PDB file of N, CA and C in Angstrom:
ATOM      1  N   MET A   1     -72.977 186.423 -18.074  1.00  0.00           N
ATOM      2  CA  MET A   1     -72.099 186.873 -17.001  1.00  0.00           C
ATOM      3  C   MET A   1     -70.676 187.008 -17.534  1.00  0.00           C
ATOM      4  N   LYS A   2     -70.040 188.120 -17.208  1.00  0.00           N
ATOM      5  CA  LYS A   2     -68.699 188.384 -17.696  1.00  0.00           C
ATOM      6  C   LYS A   2     -67.669 187.651 -16.853  1.00  0.00           C
ATOM      7  N   SER A   3     -66.570 187.322 -17.498  1.00  0.00           N
ATOM      8  CA  SER A   3     -65.487 186.714 -16.737  1.00  0.00           C
ATOM      9  C   SER A   3     -64.711 187.807 -16.007  1.00  0.00           C
ATOM     10  N   ILE A   4     -63.928 187.414 -15.040  1.00  0.00           N
ATOM     11  CA  ILE A   4     -63.154 188.364 -14.246  1.00  0.00           C
ATOM     12  C   ILE A   4     -62.136 189.081 -15.123  1.00  0.00           C
ATOM     13  N   TRP A   5     -61.487 188.353 -16.025  1.00  0.00           N
ATOM     14  CA  TRP A   5     -60.452 188.952 -16.873  1.00  0.00           C
ATOM     15  C   TRP A   5     -61.046 189.988 -17.834  1.00  0.00           C
ATOM     16  N   GLN A   6     -62.227 189.731 -18.343  1.00  0.00           N
ATOM     17  CA  GLN A   6     -62.870 190.715 -19.214  1.00  0.00           C
ATOM     18  C   GLN A   6     -63.164 191.998 -18.447  1.00  0.00           C
ATOM     19  N   GLN A   7     -63.598 191.848 -17.195  1.00  0.00           N
ATOM     20  CA  GLN A   7     -63.906 193.018 -16.368  1.00  0.00           C
ATOM     21  C   GLN A   7     -62.632 193.801 -16.059  1.00  0.00           C
ATOM     22  N   VAL A   8     -61.538 193.111 -15.755  1.00  0.00           N
ATOM     23  CA  VAL A   8     -60.273 193.784 -15.470  1.00  0.00           C
ATOM     24  C   VAL A   8     -59.794 194.555 -16.695  1.00  0.00           C
ATOM     25  N   LEU A   9     -59.906 193.958 -17.878  1.00  0.00           N
ATOM     26  CA  LEU A   9     -59.498 194.647 -19.101  1.00  0.00           C
ATOM     27  C   LEU A   9     -60.341 195.894 -19.342  1.00  0.00           C
ATOM     28  N   GLN A  10     -61.614 195.842 -18.978  1.00  0.00           N
ATOM     29  CA  GLN A  10     -62.470 197.021 -19.128  1.00  0.00           C
ATOM     30  C   GLN A  10     -62.101 198.099 -18.119  1.00  0.00           C
ATOM     31  N   TYR A  11     -61.682 197.712 -16.902  1.00  0.00           N
ATOM     32  CA  TYR A  11     -61.279 198.693 -15.899  1.00  0.00           C
ATOM     33  C   TYR A  11     -60.102 199.517 -16.383  1.00  0.00           C
ATOM     34  N   PHE A  12     -59.167 198.874 -17.053  1.00  0.00           N
ATOM     35  CA  PHE A  12     -57.969 199.568 -17.516  1.00  0.00           C
ATOM     36  C   PHE A  12     -58.113 200.078 -18.938  1.00  0.00           C
ATOM     37  N   TYR A  13     -59.311 200.084 -19.467  1.00  0.00           N
ATOM     38  CA  TYR A  13     -59.615 200.601 -20.798  1.00  0.00           C
ATOM     39  C   TYR A  13     -58.857 199.868 -21.901  1.00  0.00           C
ATOM     40  N   ILE A  14     -58.458 198.610 -21.648  1.00  0.00           N
ATOM     41  CA  ILE A  14     -57.804 197.817 -22.682  1.00  0.00           C
ATOM     42  C   ILE A  14     -58.854 197.226 -23.615  1.00  0.00           C
ATOM     43  N   ARG A  15     -59.978 196.869 -23.057  1.00  0.00           N
ATOM     44  CA  ARG A  15     -61.079 196.306 -23.835  1.00  0.00           C
ATOM     45  C   ARG A  15     -62.258 197.271 -23.770  1.00  0.00           C
ATOM     46  N   LYS A  16     -62.915 197.453 -24.863  1.00  0.00           N
ATOM     47  CA  LYS A  16     -64.046 198.381 -24.924  1.00  0.00           C
ATOM     48  C   LYS A  16     -65.225 197.809 -24.129  1.00  0.00           C
ATOM     49  N   SER A  17     -65.916 198.665 -23.409  1.00  0.00           N
ATOM     50  CA  SER A  17     -67.049 198.209 -22.614  1.00  0.00           C
ATOM     51  C   SER A  17     -68.277 197.979 -23.490  1.00  0.00           C
ATOM     52  N   ASP A  18     -69.211 197.247 -22.937  1.00  0.00           N
ATOM     53  CA  ASP A  18     -70.436 196.903 -23.651  1.00  0.00           C
ATOM     54  C   ASP A  18     -71.318 198.153 -23.785  1.00  0.00           C
ATOM     55  N   PRO A  19     -71.682 198.546 -25.007  1.00  0.00           N
ATOM     56  CA  PRO A  19     -72.514 199.756 -25.158  1.00  0.00           C
ATOM     57  C   PRO A  19     -73.935 199.563 -24.638  1.00  0.00           C
ATOM     58  N   ASN A  20     -74.388 198.326 -24.511  1.00  0.00           N
ATOM     59  CA  ASN A  20     -75.753 198.063 -24.031  1.00  0.00           C
ATOM     60  C   ASN A  20     -75.825 197.981 -22.508  1.00  0.00           C
ATOM     61  N   ALA A  21     -74.684 198.060 -21.832  1.00  0.00           N
ATOM     62  CA  ALA A  21     -74.675 197.944 -20.373  1.00  0.00           C
ATOM     63  C   ALA A  21     -75.303 199.198 -19.753  1.00  0.00           C
ATOM     64  N   PRO A  22     -76.011 199.018 -18.646  1.00  0.00           N
ATOM     65  CA  PRO A  22     -76.613 200.188 -17.992  1.00  0.00           C
ATOM     66  C   PRO A  22     -75.530 201.098 -17.419  1.00  0.00           C
ATOM     67  N   LYS A  23     -75.769 202.417 -17.476  1.00  0.00           N
ATOM     68  CA  LYS A  23     -74.797 203.376 -16.972  1.00  0.00           C
ATOM     69  C   LYS A  23     -75.404 204.142 -15.812  1.00  0.00           C
ATOM     70  N   SER A  24     -74.663 204.205 -14.724  1.00  0.00           N
ATOM     71  CA  SER A  24     -75.092 204.998 -13.579  1.00  0.00           C
ATOM     72  C   SER A  24     -73.851 205.558 -12.902  1.00  0.00           C
ATOM     73  N   THR A  25     -74.054 206.598 -12.097  1.00  0.00           N
ATOM     74  CA  THR A  25     -72.909 207.206 -11.420  1.00  0.00           C
ATOM     75  C   THR A  25     -72.339 206.261 -10.372  1.00  0.00           C
ATOM     76  N   TYR A  26     -73.202 205.500  -9.705  1.00  0.00           N
ATOM     77  CA  TYR A  26     -72.719 204.572  -8.688  1.00  0.00           C
ATOM     78  C   TYR A  26     -71.866 203.473  -9.308  1.00  0.00           C
ATOM     79  N   LEU A  27     -72.267 203.007 -10.454  1.00  0.00           N
ATOM     80  CA  LEU A  27     -71.502 201.965 -11.136  1.00  0.00           C
ATOM     81  C   LEU A  27     -70.150 202.500 -11.580  1.00  0.00           C
ATOM     82  N   SER A  28     -70.110 203.716 -12.097  1.00  0.00           N
ATOM     83  CA  SER A  28     -68.834 204.273 -12.527  1.00  0.00           C
ATOM     84  C   SER A  28     -67.923 204.554 -11.330  1.00  0.00           C
ATOM     85  N   MET A  29     -68.484 204.974 -10.201  1.00  0.00           N
ATOM     86  CA  MET A  29     -67.673 205.162  -8.995  1.00  0.00           C
ATOM     87  C   MET A  29     -67.116 203.844  -8.498  1.00  0.00           C
ATOM     88  N   MET A  30     -67.932 202.798  -8.549  1.00  0.00           N
ATOM     89  CA  MET A  30     -67.469 201.482  -8.124  1.00  0.00           C
ATOM     90  C   MET A  30     -66.328 201.008  -9.014  1.00  0.00           C
ATOM     91  N   HIS A  31     -66.444 201.211 -10.319  1.00  0.00           N
ATOM     92  CA  HIS A  31     -65.378 200.810 -11.230  1.00  0.00           C
ATOM     93  C   HIS A  31     -64.101 201.612 -10.961  1.00  0.00           C
ATOM     94  N   GLY A  32     -64.247 202.874 -10.651  1.00  0.00           N
ATOM     95  CA  GLY A  32     -63.088 203.694 -10.320  1.00  0.00           C
ATOM     96  C   GLY A  32     -62.386 203.209  -9.062  1.00  0.00           C
ATOM     97  N   MET A  33     -63.160 202.862  -8.043  1.00  0.00           N
ATOM     98  CA  MET A  33     -62.575 202.341  -6.807  1.00  0.00           C
ATOM     99  C   MET A  33     -61.895 200.999  -7.055  1.00  0.00           C
ATOM    100  N   ASN A  34     -62.515 200.159  -7.863  1.00  0.00           N
ATOM    101  CA  ASN A  34     -61.896 198.875  -8.189  1.00  0.00           C
ATOM    102  C   ASN A  34     -60.598 199.078  -8.959  1.00  0.00           C
ATOM    103  N   ARG A  35     -60.582 200.037  -9.865  1.00  0.00           N
ATOM    104  CA  ARG A  35     -59.371 200.333 -10.641  1.00  0.00           C
ATOM    105  C   ARG A  35     -58.239 200.761  -9.711  1.00  0.00           C
ATOM    106  N   ILE A  36     -58.548 201.626  -8.747  1.00  0.00           N
ATOM    107  CA  ILE A  36     -57.539 202.081  -7.786  1.00  0.00           C
ATOM    108  C   ILE A  36     -57.034 200.922  -6.941  1.00  0.00           C
ATOM    109  N   SER A  37     -57.927 200.057  -6.471  1.00  0.00           N
ATOM    110  CA  SER A  37     -57.503 198.944  -5.622  1.00  0.00           C
ATOM    111  C   SER A  37     -56.652 197.941  -6.401  1.00  0.00           C
ATOM    112  N   ILE A  38     -56.960 197.703  -7.659  1.00  0.00           N
ATOM    113  CA  ILE A  38     -56.149 196.791  -8.468  1.00  0.00           C
ATOM    114  C   ILE A  38     -54.754 197.373  -8.672  1.00  0.00           C
ATOM    115  N   ILE A  39     -54.669 198.673  -8.950  1.00  0.00           N
ATOM    116  CA  ILE A  39     -53.368 199.313  -9.147  1.00  0.00           C
ATOM    117  C   ILE A  39     -52.538 199.245  -7.870  1.00  0.00           C
ATOM    118  N   LEU A  40     -53.147 199.538  -6.716  1.00  0.00           N
ATOM    119  CA  LEU A  40     -52.422 199.462  -5.450  1.00  0.00           C
ATOM    120  C   LEU A  40     -51.976 198.040  -5.141  1.00  0.00           C
ATOM    121  N   PHE A  41     -52.799 197.059  -5.461  1.00  0.00           N
ATOM    122  CA  PHE A  41     -52.439 195.667  -5.240  1.00  0.00           C
ATOM    123  C   PHE A  41     -51.235 195.279  -6.089  1.00  0.00           C
ATOM    124  N   VAL A  42     -51.220 195.679  -7.337  1.00  0.00           N
ATOM    125  CA  VAL A  42     -50.097 195.357  -8.222  1.00  0.00           C
ATOM    126  C   VAL A  42     -48.824 196.046  -7.737  1.00  0.00           C
ATOM    127  N   ILE A  43     -48.929 197.295  -7.293  1.00  0.00           N
ATOM    128  CA  ILE A  43     -47.762 198.005  -6.761  1.00  0.00           C
ATOM    129  C   ILE A  43     -47.227 197.293  -5.521  1.00  0.00           C
ATOM    130  N   ALA A  44     -48.117 196.863  -4.628  1.00  0.00           N
ATOM    131  CA  ALA A  44     -47.686 196.162  -3.417  1.00  0.00           C
ATOM    132  C   ALA A  44     -47.003 194.834  -3.756  1.00  0.00           C
ATOM    133  N   ILE A  45     -47.506 194.102  -4.721  1.00  0.00           N
ATOM    134  CA  ILE A  45     -46.882 192.841  -5.131  1.00  0.00           C
ATOM    135  C   ILE A  45     -45.491 193.103  -5.698  1.00  0.00           C
ATOM    136  N   ILE A  46     -45.349 194.161  -6.509  1.00  0.00           N
ATOM    137  CA  ILE A  46     -44.039 194.498  -7.082  1.00  0.00           C
ATOM    138  C   ILE A  46     -43.052 194.851  -5.973  1.00  0.00           C
ATOM    139  N   ILE A  47     -43.482 195.630  -4.987  1.00  0.00           N
ATOM    140  CA  ILE A  47     -42.611 195.996  -3.871  1.00  0.00           C
ATOM    141  C   ILE A  47     -42.202 194.757  -3.088  1.00  0.00           C
ATOM    142  N   MET A  48     -43.143 193.839  -2.849  1.00  0.00           N
ATOM    143  CA  MET A  48     -42.800 192.612  -2.118  1.00  0.00           C
ATOM    144  C   MET A  48     -41.795 191.766  -2.888  1.00  0.00           C
ATOM    145  N   ILE A  49     -41.935 191.686  -4.193  1.00  0.00           N
ATOM    146  CA  ILE A  49     -41.009 190.908  -5.009  1.00  0.00           C
ATOM    147  C   ILE A  49     -39.617 191.550  -4.987  1.00  0.00           C
ATOM    148  N   ILE A  50     -39.560 192.881  -5.071  1.00  0.00           N
ATOM    149  CA  ILE A  50     -38.270 193.577  -5.026  1.00  0.00           C
ATOM    150  C   ILE A  50     -37.582 193.346  -3.685  1.00  0.00           C
ATOM    151  N   ARG A  51     -38.328 193.448  -2.592  1.00  0.00           N
ATOM    152  CA  ARG A  51     -37.747 193.202  -1.275  1.00  0.00           C
ATOM    153  C   ARG A  51     -37.279 191.762  -1.116  1.00  0.00           C
ATOM    154  N   LEU A  52     -38.004 190.839  -1.702  1.00  0.00           N
ATOM    155  CA  LEU A  52     -37.616 189.423  -1.629  1.00  0.00           C
ATOM    156  C   LEU A  52     -36.334 189.178  -2.409  1.00  0.00           C
ATOM    157  N   ILE A  53     -36.178 189.829  -3.550  1.00  0.00           N
ATOM    158  CA  ILE A  53     -34.980 189.652  -4.386  1.00  0.00           C
ATOM    159  C   ILE A  53     -33.767 190.299  -3.735  1.00  0.00           C
ATOM    160  N   LYS A  54     -33.951 191.433  -3.060  1.00  0.00           N
ATOM    161  CA  LYS A  54     -32.825 192.128  -2.426  1.00  0.00           C
ATOM    162  C   LYS A  54     -32.233 191.362  -1.246  1.00  0.00           C
ATOM    163  N   ARG A  55     -32.955 190.443  -0.648  1.00  0.00           N
ATOM    164  CA  ARG A  55     -32.446 189.693   0.489  1.00  0.00           C
ATOM    165  C   ARG A  55     -31.362 188.821   0.109  1.00  0.00           C
TER     166      ARG A  55
END
């Protein structure tokens, strides 16, 4: 079982994915959606920190 950090690194193409892992269109779509949600989450955290500092 992979750790969460290894999976996150694979989402952002920082770490190479396992060549023996099964490939399907549904799995790649799920990874794409997860990548988008992680990016939006990081953007929202940055905006919250900026608003907190401006106060």
